[in-house]
Amino acid sequence: MVKDTYILKKSDRKGKRFVIIMPSFGHKHHFASDVGQTFIDHQDEKKKKAWIARHKNDKGFNSKHSGIYHSRKLLWEEPTLKKAIKKYEKEHDVKIKVMT
């Protein structure tokens, strides 16, 4: 069986850092502020815990069909984007193609 492929790239939406395109679902999610830093930038566990506490009740926090979910999974769970992508691919049985 061929794995679904998502595309991750820099967002063209003002104020957003990334966009993940999910072709099989026919939609995309812009996520993360283009200012400030995330765990992949600073690797600060205290800031990571604070971010999760601040956002854990946000709508879509546990839904892969939301921007906040992709912020959490790709920018706040692992110390590097590469590690986060690898974990995401395994959890969701998909391939993420990073386009720069």
PDB file of N, CA and C in Angstrom:
ATOM      1  N   MET A   1       0.829  -1.185   0.000  1.00  0.00           N
ATOM      2  CA  MET A   1       0.000   0.000   0.000  1.00  0.00           C
ATOM      3  C   MET A   1       0.877   1.253   0.000  1.00  0.00           C
ATOM      4  N   VAL A   2       0.513   2.219  -0.806  1.00  0.00           N
ATOM      5  CA  VAL A   2       1.260   3.463  -0.909  1.00  0.00           C
ATOM      6  C   VAL A   2       0.830   4.395   0.225  1.00  0.00           C
ATOM      7  N   LYS A   3       1.821   4.957   0.897  1.00  0.00           N
ATOM      8  CA  LYS A   3       1.525   5.895   1.983  1.00  0.00           C
ATOM      9  C   LYS A   3       1.045   7.225   1.424  1.00  0.00           C
ATOM     10  N   ASP A   4       0.136   7.835   2.147  1.00  0.00           N
ATOM     11  CA  ASP A   4      -0.312   9.180   1.830  1.00  0.00           C
ATOM     12  C   ASP A   4       0.877  10.135   2.014  1.00  0.00           C
ATOM     13  N   THR A   5       0.997  11.142   1.185  1.00  0.00           N
ATOM     14  CA  THR A   5       2.082  12.114   1.290  1.00  0.00           C
ATOM     15  C   THR A   5       1.516  13.494   1.571  1.00  0.00           C
ATOM     16  N   TYR A   6       1.989  14.093   2.668  1.00  0.00           N
ATOM     17  CA  TYR A   6       1.641  15.460   3.012  1.00  0.00           C
ATOM     18  C   TYR A   6       2.819  16.342   2.620  1.00  0.00           C
ATOM     19  N   ILE A   7       2.532  17.581   2.324  1.00  0.00           N
ATOM     20  CA  ILE A   7       3.577  18.534   1.942  1.00  0.00           C
ATOM     21  C   ILE A   7       3.671  19.604   3.033  1.00  0.00           C
ATOM     22  N   LEU A   8       4.878  19.811   3.526  1.00  0.00           N
ATOM     23  CA  LEU A   8       5.136  20.837   4.533  1.00  0.00           C
ATOM     24  C   LEU A   8       6.026  21.897   3.902  1.00  0.00           C
ATOM     25  N   LYS A   9       5.577  23.150   3.974  1.00  0.00           N
ATOM     26  CA  LYS A   9       6.385  24.225   3.410  1.00  0.00           C
ATOM     27  C   LYS A   9       6.099  25.533   4.139  1.00  0.00           C
ATOM     28  N   LYS A  10       6.890  26.532   3.825  1.00  0.00           N
ATOM     29  CA  LYS A  10       6.712  27.865   4.402  1.00  0.00           C
ATOM     30  C   LYS A  10       5.355  28.400   3.944  1.00  0.00           C
ATOM     31  N   SER A  11       4.627  28.968   4.886  1.00  0.00           N
ATOM     32  CA  SER A  11       3.303  29.497   4.565  1.00  0.00           C
ATOM     33  C   SER A  11       3.410  30.817   3.802  1.00  0.00           C
ATOM     34  N   ASP A  12       2.460  31.006   2.888  1.00  0.00           N
ATOM     35  CA  ASP A  12       2.368  32.283   2.193  1.00  0.00           C
ATOM     36  C   ASP A  12       1.303  33.179   2.847  1.00  0.00           C
ATOM     37  N   ARG A  13       0.724  32.693   3.943  1.00  0.00           N
ATOM     38  CA  ARG A  13      -0.279  33.468   4.665  1.00  0.00           C
ATOM     39  C   ARG A  13       0.412  34.389   5.667  1.00  0.00           C
ATOM     40  N   LYS A  14       0.019  35.645   5.647  1.00  0.00           N
ATOM     41  CA  LYS A  14       0.606  36.629   6.548  1.00  0.00           C
ATOM     42  C   LYS A  14       0.428  36.175   8.000  1.00  0.00           C
ATOM     43  N   GLY A  15       1.525  36.220   8.750  1.00  0.00           N
ATOM     44  CA  GLY A  15       1.481  35.883  10.160  1.00  0.00           C
ATOM     45  C   GLY A  15       1.670  34.419  10.484  1.00  0.00           C
ATOM     46  N   LYS A  16       1.771  33.555   9.464  1.00  0.00           N
ATOM     47  CA  LYS A  16       1.936  32.121   9.699  1.00  0.00           C
ATOM     48  C   LYS A  16       3.294  31.640   9.200  1.00  0.00           C
ATOM     49  N   ARG A  17       3.835  30.650   9.892  1.00  0.00           N
ATOM     50  CA  ARG A  17       5.176  30.147   9.599  1.00  0.00           C
ATOM     51  C   ARG A  17       5.173  28.993   8.593  1.00  0.00           C
ATOM     52  N   PHE A  18       4.256  28.047   8.768  1.00  0.00           N
ATOM     53  CA  PHE A  18       4.210  26.857   7.920  1.00  0.00           C
ATOM     54  C   PHE A  18       2.802  26.589   7.413  1.00  0.00           C
ATOM     55  N   VAL A  19       2.741  25.755   6.385  1.00  0.00           N
ATOM     56  CA  VAL A  19       1.481  25.189   5.914  1.00  0.00           C
ATOM     57  C   VAL A  19       1.723  23.702   5.667  1.00  0.00           C
ATOM     58  N   ILE A  20       0.760  22.880   6.076  1.00  0.00           N
ATOM     59  CA  ILE A  20       0.829  21.458   5.751  1.00  0.00           C
ATOM     60  C   ILE A  20      -0.336  21.176   4.809  1.00  0.00           C
ATOM     61  N   ILE A  21      -0.020  20.613   3.666  1.00  0.00           N
ATOM     62  CA  ILE A  21      -1.017  20.318   2.645  1.00  0.00           C
ATOM     63  C   ILE A  21      -1.311  18.831   2.710  1.00  0.00           C
ATOM     64  N   MET A  22      -2.600  18.502   2.817  1.00  0.00           N
ATOM     65  CA  MET A  22      -3.046  17.119   2.950  1.00  0.00           C
ATOM     66  C   MET A  22      -3.914  16.778   1.729  1.00  0.00           C
ATOM     67  N   PRO A  23      -3.291  16.427   0.601  1.00  0.00           N
ATOM     68  CA  PRO A  23      -4.036  16.241  -0.645  1.00  0.00           C
ATOM     69  C   PRO A  23      -5.185  15.234  -0.574  1.00  0.00           C
ATOM     70  N   SER A  24      -5.005  14.143   0.151  1.00  0.00           N
ATOM     71  CA  SER A  24      -6.065  13.129   0.194  1.00  0.00           C
ATOM     72  C   SER A  24      -7.317  13.633   0.906  1.00  0.00           C
ATOM     73  N   PHE A  25      -7.163  14.645   1.750  1.00  0.00           N
ATOM     74  CA  PHE A  25      -8.314  15.233   2.433  1.00  0.00           C
ATOM     75  C   PHE A  25      -8.797  16.494   1.713  1.00  0.00           C
ATOM     76  N   GLY A  26      -8.018  16.962   0.755  1.00  0.00           N
ATOM     77  CA  GLY A  26      -8.401  18.135  -0.019  1.00  0.00           C
ATOM     78  C   GLY A  26      -8.318  19.444   0.746  1.00  0.00           C
ATOM     79  N   HIS A  27      -7.424  19.497   1.740  1.00  0.00           N
ATOM     80  CA  HIS A  27      -7.280  20.750   2.462  1.00  0.00           C
ATOM     81  C   HIS A  27      -5.871  20.931   3.002  1.00  0.00           C
ATOM     82  N   LYS A  28      -5.667  22.097   3.598  1.00  0.00           N
ATOM     83  CA  LYS A  28      -4.362  22.433   4.158  1.00  0.00           C
ATOM     84  C   LYS A  28      -4.568  23.222   5.444  1.00  0.00           C
ATOM     85  N   HIS A  29      -3.521  23.260   6.257  1.00  0.00           N
ATOM     86  CA  HIS A  29      -3.567  23.988   7.521  1.00  0.00           C
ATOM     87  C   HIS A  29      -2.343  24.878   7.652  1.00  0.00           C
ATOM     88  N   HIS A  30      -2.570  26.161   7.784  1.00  0.00           N
ATOM     89  CA  HIS A  30      -1.499  27.114   8.071  1.00  0.00           C
ATOM     90  C   HIS A  30      -1.357  27.132   9.584  1.00  0.00           C
ATOM     91  N   PHE A  31      -0.121  27.139  10.074  1.00  0.00           N
ATOM     92  CA  PHE A  31       0.061  27.095  11.519  1.00  0.00           C
ATOM     93  C   PHE A  31       1.355  27.757  11.949  1.00  0.00           C
ATOM     94  N   ALA A  32       1.394  28.091  13.222  1.00  0.00           N
ATOM     95  CA  ALA A  32       2.539  28.694  13.908  1.00  0.00           C
ATOM     96  C   ALA A  32       2.731  30.147  13.503  1.00  0.00           C
ATOM     97  N   SER A  33       2.928  30.961  14.499  1.00  0.00           N
ATOM     98  CA  SER A  33       3.204  32.371  14.266  1.00  0.00           C
ATOM     99  C   SER A  33       4.557  32.521  13.579  1.00  0.00           C
ATOM    100  N   ASP A  34       4.648  33.470  12.687  1.00  0.00           N
ATOM    101  CA  ASP A  34       5.932  33.693  12.003  1.00  0.00           C
ATOM    102  C   ASP A  34       6.871  34.580  12.823  1.00  0.00           C
ATOM    103  N   VAL A  35       6.433  34.975  14.008  1.00  0.00           N
ATOM    104  CA  VAL A  35       7.305  35.683  14.951  1.00  0.00           C
ATOM    105  C   VAL A  35       7.394  34.835  16.211  1.00  0.00           C
ATOM    106  N   GLY A  36       8.414  35.030  16.975  1.00  0.00           N
ATOM    107  CA  GLY A  36       8.584  34.216  18.172  1.00  0.00           C
ATOM    108  C   GLY A  36       9.267  32.904  17.850  1.00  0.00           C
ATOM    109  N   GLN A  37       9.383  32.074  18.872  1.00  0.00           N
ATOM    110  CA  GLN A  37      10.097  30.812  18.711  1.00  0.00           C
ATOM    111  C   GLN A  37       9.273  29.648  19.236  1.00  0.00           C
ATOM    112  N   THR A  38       9.627  28.461  18.788  1.00  0.00           N
ATOM    113  CA  THR A  38       8.982  27.232  19.240  1.00  0.00           C
ATOM    114  C   THR A  38      10.049  26.315  19.829  1.00  0.00           C
ATOM    115  N   PHE A  39       9.631  25.161  20.297  1.00  0.00           N
ATOM    116  CA  PHE A  39      10.554  24.215  20.911  1.00  0.00           C
ATOM    117  C   PHE A  39      11.676  23.807  19.953  1.00  0.00           C
ATOM    118  N   ILE A  40      11.383  23.702  18.671  1.00  0.00           N
ATOM    119  CA  ILE A  40      12.441  23.328  17.714  1.00  0.00           C
ATOM    120  C   ILE A  40      13.485  24.432  17.581  1.00  0.00           C
ATOM    121  N   ASP A  41      13.144  25.649  18.018  1.00  0.00           N
ATOM    122  CA  ASP A  41      14.087  26.761  17.961  1.00  0.00           C
ATOM    123  C   ASP A  41      14.925  26.885  19.234  1.00  0.00           C
ATOM    124  N   HIS A  42      14.288  26.685  20.397  1.00  0.00           N
ATOM    125  CA  HIS A  42      14.991  26.939  21.661  1.00  0.00           C
ATOM    126  C   HIS A  42      15.217  25.713  22.543  1.00  0.00           C
ATOM    127  N   GLN A  43      14.519  24.611  22.324  1.00  0.00           N
ATOM    128  CA  GLN A  43      14.642  23.374  23.113  1.00  0.00           C
ATOM    129  C   GLN A  43      14.512  23.624  24.625  1.00  0.00           C
ATOM    130  N   ASP A  44      13.700  24.582  25.005  1.00  0.00           N
ATOM    131  CA  ASP A  44      13.502  24.931  26.405  1.00  0.00           C
ATOM    132  C   ASP A  44      12.272  24.182  26.939  1.00  0.00           C
ATOM    133  N   GLU A  45      12.508  23.189  27.805  1.00  0.00           N
ATOM    134  CA  GLU A  45      11.434  22.348  28.336  1.00  0.00           C
ATOM    135  C   GLU A  45      10.410  23.161  29.138  1.00  0.00           C
ATOM    136  N   LYS A  46      10.855  24.164  29.848  1.00  0.00           N
ATOM    137  CA  LYS A  46       9.945  24.993  30.636  1.00  0.00           C
ATOM    138  C   LYS A  46       8.969  25.747  29.722  1.00  0.00           C
ATOM    139  N   LYS A  47       9.494  26.309  28.635  1.00  0.00           N
ATOM    140  CA  LYS A  47       8.638  27.013  27.676  1.00  0.00           C
ATOM    141  C   LYS A  47       7.701  26.039  26.969  1.00  0.00           C
ATOM    142  N   LYS A  48       8.194  24.830  26.715  1.00  0.00           N
ATOM    143  CA  LYS A  48       7.365  23.796  26.074  1.00  0.00           C
ATOM    144  C   LYS A  48       6.169  23.459  26.970  1.00  0.00           C
ATOM    145  N   LYS A  49       6.429  23.215  28.235  1.00  0.00           N
ATOM    146  CA  LYS A  49       5.344  22.900  29.178  1.00  0.00           C
ATOM    147  C   LYS A  49       4.352  24.047  29.283  1.00  0.00           C
ATOM    148  N   ALA A  50       4.848  25.272  29.300  1.00  0.00           N
ATOM    149  CA  ALA A  50       3.976  26.446  29.382  1.00  0.00           C
ATOM    150  C   ALA A  50       3.114  26.555  28.127  1.00  0.00           C
ATOM    151  N   TRP A  51       3.692  26.304  26.963  1.00  0.00           N
ATOM    152  CA  TRP A  51       2.942  26.383  25.706  1.00  0.00           C
ATOM    153  C   TRP A  51       1.834  25.339  25.697  1.00  0.00           C
ATOM    154  N   ILE A  52       2.161  24.113  26.087  1.00  0.00           N
ATOM    155  CA  ILE A  52       1.162  23.039  26.107  1.00  0.00           C
ATOM    156  C   ILE A  52       0.043  23.385  27.100  1.00  0.00           C
ATOM    157  N   ALA A  53       0.396  23.854  28.280  1.00  0.00           N
ATOM    158  CA  ALA A  53      -0.614  24.227  29.282  1.00  0.00           C
ATOM    159  C   ALA A  53      -1.527  25.336  28.751  1.00  0.00           C
ATOM    160  N   ARG A  54      -0.945  26.281  28.040  1.00  0.00           N
ATOM    161  CA  ARG A  54      -1.699  27.409  27.498  1.00  0.00           C
ATOM    162  C   ARG A  54      -2.649  26.987  26.379  1.00  0.00           C
ATOM    163  N   HIS A  55      -2.283  25.970  25.616  1.00  0.00           N
ATOM    164  CA  HIS A  55      -3.057  25.604  24.426  1.00  0.00           C
ATOM    165  C   HIS A  55      -3.831  24.297  24.524  1.00  0.00           C
ATOM    166  N   LYS A  56      -3.677  23.541  25.604  1.00  0.00           N
ATOM    167  CA  LYS A  56      -4.275  22.199  25.674  1.00  0.00           C
ATOM    168  C   LYS A  56      -5.800  22.191  25.559  1.00  0.00           C
ATOM    169  N   ASN A  57      -6.451  23.296  25.854  1.00  0.00           N
ATOM    170  CA  ASN A  57      -7.907  23.361  25.731  1.00  0.00           C
ATOM    171  C   ASN A  57      -8.370  24.053  24.452  1.00  0.00           C
ATOM    172  N   ASP A  58      -7.435  24.389  23.578  1.00  0.00           N
ATOM    173  CA  ASP A  58      -7.797  25.018  22.308  1.00  0.00           C
ATOM    174  C   ASP A  58      -8.574  24.032  21.438  1.00  0.00           C
ATOM    175  N   LYS A  59      -9.524  24.556  20.701  1.00  0.00           N
ATOM    176  CA  LYS A  59     -10.287  23.734  19.759  1.00  0.00           C
ATOM    177  C   LYS A  59      -9.313  23.111  18.754  1.00  0.00           C
ATOM    178  N   GLY A  60      -9.419  21.824  18.539  1.00  0.00           N
ATOM    179  CA  GLY A  60      -8.587  21.147  17.561  1.00  0.00           C
ATOM    180  C   GLY A  60      -7.232  20.692  18.075  1.00  0.00           C
ATOM    181  N   PHE A  61      -6.965  20.868  19.359  1.00  0.00           N
ATOM    182  CA  PHE A  61      -5.658  20.496  19.919  1.00  0.00           C
ATOM    183  C   PHE A  61      -5.313  19.033  19.636  1.00  0.00           C
ATOM    184  N   ASN A  62      -6.323  18.171  19.599  1.00  0.00           N
ATOM    185  CA  ASN A  62      -6.101  16.739  19.354  1.00  0.00           C
ATOM    186  C   ASN A  62      -6.626  16.264  18.005  1.00  0.00           C
ATOM    187  N   SER A  63      -6.879  17.186  17.096  1.00  0.00           N
ATOM    188  CA  SER A  63      -7.399  16.832  15.773  1.00  0.00           C
ATOM    189  C   SER A  63      -6.385  17.169  14.687  1.00  0.00           C
ATOM    190  N   LYS A  64      -6.026  16.163  13.898  1.00  0.00           N
ATOM    191  CA  LYS A  64      -5.037  16.425  12.842  1.00  0.00           C
ATOM    192  C   LYS A  64      -5.579  17.343  11.750  1.00  0.00           C
ATOM    193  N   HIS A  65      -6.833  17.710  11.877  1.00  0.00           N
ATOM    194  CA  HIS A  65      -7.425  18.634  10.913  1.00  0.00           C
ATOM    195  C   HIS A  65      -7.496  20.049  11.486  1.00  0.00           C
ATOM    196  N   SER A  66      -6.422  20.419  12.198  1.00  0.00           N
ATOM    197  CA  SER A  66      -6.351  21.777  12.742  1.00  0.00           C
ATOM    198  C   SER A  66      -4.903  22.256  12.752  1.00  0.00           C
ATOM    199  N   GLY A  67      -4.757  23.546  12.717  1.00  0.00           N
ATOM    200  CA  GLY A  67      -3.423  24.136  12.752  1.00  0.00           C
ATOM    201  C   GLY A  67      -2.723  23.934  14.088  1.00  0.00           C
ATOM    202  N   ILE A  68      -3.466  24.064  15.184  1.00  0.00           N
ATOM    203  CA  ILE A  68      -2.853  23.938  16.508  1.00  0.00           C
ATOM    204  C   ILE A  68      -2.270  22.540  16.712  1.00  0.00           C
ATOM    205  N   TYR A  69      -2.918  21.542  16.156  1.00  0.00           N
ATOM    206  CA  TYR A  69      -2.422  20.166  16.249  1.00  0.00           C
ATOM    207  C   TYR A  69      -1.054  20.051  15.579  1.00  0.00           C
ATOM    208  N   HIS A  70      -0.925  20.661  14.414  1.00  0.00           N
ATOM    209  CA  HIS A  70       0.346  20.585  13.686  1.00  0.00           C
ATOM    210  C   HIS A  70       1.429  21.418  14.353  1.00  0.00           C
ATOM    211  N   SER A  71       1.050  22.516  14.979  1.00  0.00           N
ATOM    212  CA  SER A  71       2.028  23.256  15.775  1.00  0.00           C
ATOM    213  C   SER A  71       2.562  22.358  16.884  1.00  0.00           C
ATOM    214  N   ARG A  72       1.650  21.714  17.599  1.00  0.00           N
ATOM    215  CA  ARG A  72       2.058  20.852  18.714  1.00  0.00           C
ATOM    216  C   ARG A  72       2.930  19.700  18.231  1.00  0.00           C
ATOM    217  N   LYS A  73       2.465  18.979  17.233  1.00  0.00           N
ATOM    218  CA  LYS A  73       3.163  17.775  16.786  1.00  0.00           C
ATOM    219  C   LYS A  73       4.495  18.063  16.096  1.00  0.00           C
ATOM    220  N   LEU A  74       4.551  19.129  15.318  1.00  0.00           N
ATOM    221  CA  LEU A  74       5.753  19.388  14.525  1.00  0.00           C
ATOM    222  C   LEU A  74       6.710  20.415  15.135  1.00  0.00           C
ATOM    223  N   LEU A  75       6.217  21.281  16.011  1.00  0.00           N
ATOM    224  CA  LEU A  75       7.073  22.346  16.525  1.00  0.00           C
ATOM    225  C   LEU A  75       7.307  22.304  18.033  1.00  0.00           C
ATOM    226  N   TRP A  76       6.499  21.519  18.754  1.00  0.00           N
ATOM    227  CA  TRP A  76       6.593  21.542  20.215  1.00  0.00           C
ATOM    228  C   TRP A  76       6.852  20.196  20.873  1.00  0.00           C
ATOM    229  N   GLU A  77       6.882  19.093  20.137  1.00  0.00           N
ATOM    230  CA  GLU A  77       7.078  17.785  20.777  1.00  0.00           C
ATOM    231  C   GLU A  77       8.512  17.277  20.743  1.00  0.00           C
ATOM    232  N   GLU A  78       9.237  17.597  19.731  1.00  0.00           N
ATOM    233  CA  GLU A  78      10.607  17.108  19.566  1.00  0.00           C
ATOM    234  C   GLU A  78      11.564  18.293  19.428  1.00  0.00           C
ATOM    235  N   PRO A  79      12.837  18.110  19.751  1.00  0.00           N
ATOM    236  CA  PRO A  79      13.783  19.233  19.708  1.00  0.00           C
ATOM    237  C   PRO A  79      14.183  19.692  18.300  1.00  0.00           C
ATOM    238  N   THR A  80      13.898  18.871  17.291  1.00  0.00           N
ATOM    239  CA  THR A  80      14.195  19.280  15.913  1.00  0.00           C
ATOM    240  C   THR A  80      13.010  18.971  15.016  1.00  0.00           C
ATOM    241  N   LEU A  81      12.890  19.716  13.942  1.00  0.00           N
ATOM    242  CA  LEU A  81      11.821  19.467  12.977  1.00  0.00           C
ATOM    243  C   LEU A  81      11.989  18.090  12.358  1.00  0.00           C
ATOM    244  N   LYS A  82      13.208  17.705  12.085  1.00  0.00           N
ATOM    245  CA  LYS A  82      13.471  16.392  11.480  1.00  0.00           C
ATOM    246  C   LYS A  82      12.941  15.264  12.363  1.00  0.00           C
ATOM    247  N   LYS A  83      13.221  15.335  13.664  1.00  0.00           N
ATOM    248  CA  LYS A  83      12.732  14.308  14.595  1.00  0.00           C
ATOM    249  C   LYS A  83      11.209  14.345  14.701  1.00  0.00           C
ATOM    250  N   ALA A  84      10.643  15.536  14.721  1.00  0.00           N
ATOM    251  CA  ALA A  84       9.195  15.679  14.818  1.00  0.00           C
ATOM    252  C   ALA A  84       8.502  15.093  13.588  1.00  0.00           C
ATOM    253  N   ILE A  85       9.073  15.331  12.420  1.00  0.00           N
ATOM    254  CA  ILE A  85       8.500  14.792  11.183  1.00  0.00           C
ATOM    255  C   ILE A  85       8.554  13.269  11.212  1.00  0.00           C
ATOM    256  N   LYS A  86       9.683  12.723  11.608  1.00  0.00           N
ATOM    257  CA  LYS A  86       9.838  11.271  11.674  1.00  0.00           C
ATOM    258  C   LYS A  86       8.784  10.650  12.604  1.00  0.00           C
ATOM    259  N   LYS A  87       8.583  11.267  13.766  1.00  0.00           N
ATOM    260  CA  LYS A  87       7.590  10.781  14.731  1.00  0.00           C
ATOM    261  C   LYS A  87       6.175  10.894  14.158  1.00  0.00           C
ATOM    262  N   TYR A  88       5.874  12.022  13.529  1.00  0.00           N
ATOM    263  CA  TYR A  88       4.554  12.256  12.930  1.00  0.00           C
ATOM    264  C   TYR A  88       4.275  11.212  11.845  1.00  0.00           C
ATOM    265  N   GLU A  89       5.266  10.976  10.992  1.00  0.00           N
ATOM    266  CA  GLU A  89       5.098  10.001   9.914  1.00  0.00           C
ATOM    267  C   GLU A  89       4.773   8.618  10.476  1.00  0.00           C
ATOM    268  N   LYS A  90       5.446   8.244  11.544  1.00  0.00           N
ATOM    269  CA  LYS A  90       5.215   6.936  12.164  1.00  0.00           C
ATOM    270  C   LYS A  90       3.821   6.875  12.812  1.00  0.00           C
ATOM    271  N   GLU A  91       3.450   7.918  13.541  1.00  0.00           N
ATOM    272  CA  GLU A  91       2.144   7.962  14.212  1.00  0.00           C
ATOM    273  C   GLU A  91       0.974   7.910  13.236  1.00  0.00           C
ATOM    274  N   HIS A  92       1.125   8.570  12.089  1.00  0.00           N
ATOM    275  CA  HIS A  92       0.013   8.713  11.142  1.00  0.00           C
ATOM    276  C   HIS A  92       0.153   7.851   9.891  1.00  0.00           C
ATOM    277  N   ASP A  93       1.229   7.092   9.805  1.00  0.00           N
ATOM    278  CA  ASP A  93       1.473   6.245   8.636  1.00  0.00           C
ATOM    279  C   ASP A  93       1.390   7.040   7.333  1.00  0.00           C
ATOM    280  N   VAL A  94       2.095   8.165   7.322  1.00  0.00           N
ATOM    281  CA  VAL A  94       2.152   9.037   6.138  1.00  0.00           C
ATOM    282  C   VAL A  94       3.613   9.401   5.876  1.00  0.00           C
ATOM    283  N   LYS A  95       3.847  10.015   4.757  1.00  0.00           N
ATOM    284  CA  LYS A  95       5.150  10.568   4.398  1.00  0.00           C
ATOM    285  C   LYS A  95       4.964  12.079   4.326  1.00  0.00           C
ATOM    286  N   ILE A  96       5.912  12.821   4.903  1.00  0.00           N
ATOM    287  CA  ILE A  96       5.881  14.277   4.796  1.00  0.00           C
ATOM    288  C   ILE A  96       7.031  14.713   3.906  1.00  0.00           C
ATOM    289  N   LYS A  97       6.680  15.395   2.846  1.00  0.00           N
ATOM    290  CA  LYS A  97       7.669  15.954   1.927  1.00  0.00           C
ATOM    291  C   LYS A  97       7.865  17.421   2.309  1.00  0.00           C
ATOM    292  N   VAL A  98       9.091  17.753   2.687  1.00  0.00           N
ATOM    293  CA  VAL A  98       9.406  19.136   3.075  1.00  0.00           C
ATOM    294  C   VAL A  98       9.877  19.881   1.848  1.00  0.00           C
ATOM    295  N   MET A  99       9.213  20.985   1.572  1.00  0.00           N
ATOM    296  CA  MET A  99       9.576  21.809   0.416  1.00  0.00           C
ATOM    297  C   MET A  99      10.020  23.166   0.935  1.00  0.00           C
ATOM    298  N   THR A 100      11.237  23.555   0.564  1.00  0.00           N
ATOM    299  CA  THR A 100      11.747  24.848   1.022  1.00  0.00           C
ATOM    300  C   THR A 100      11.798  25.855  -0.105  1.00  0.00           C
TER     301      THR A 100
END
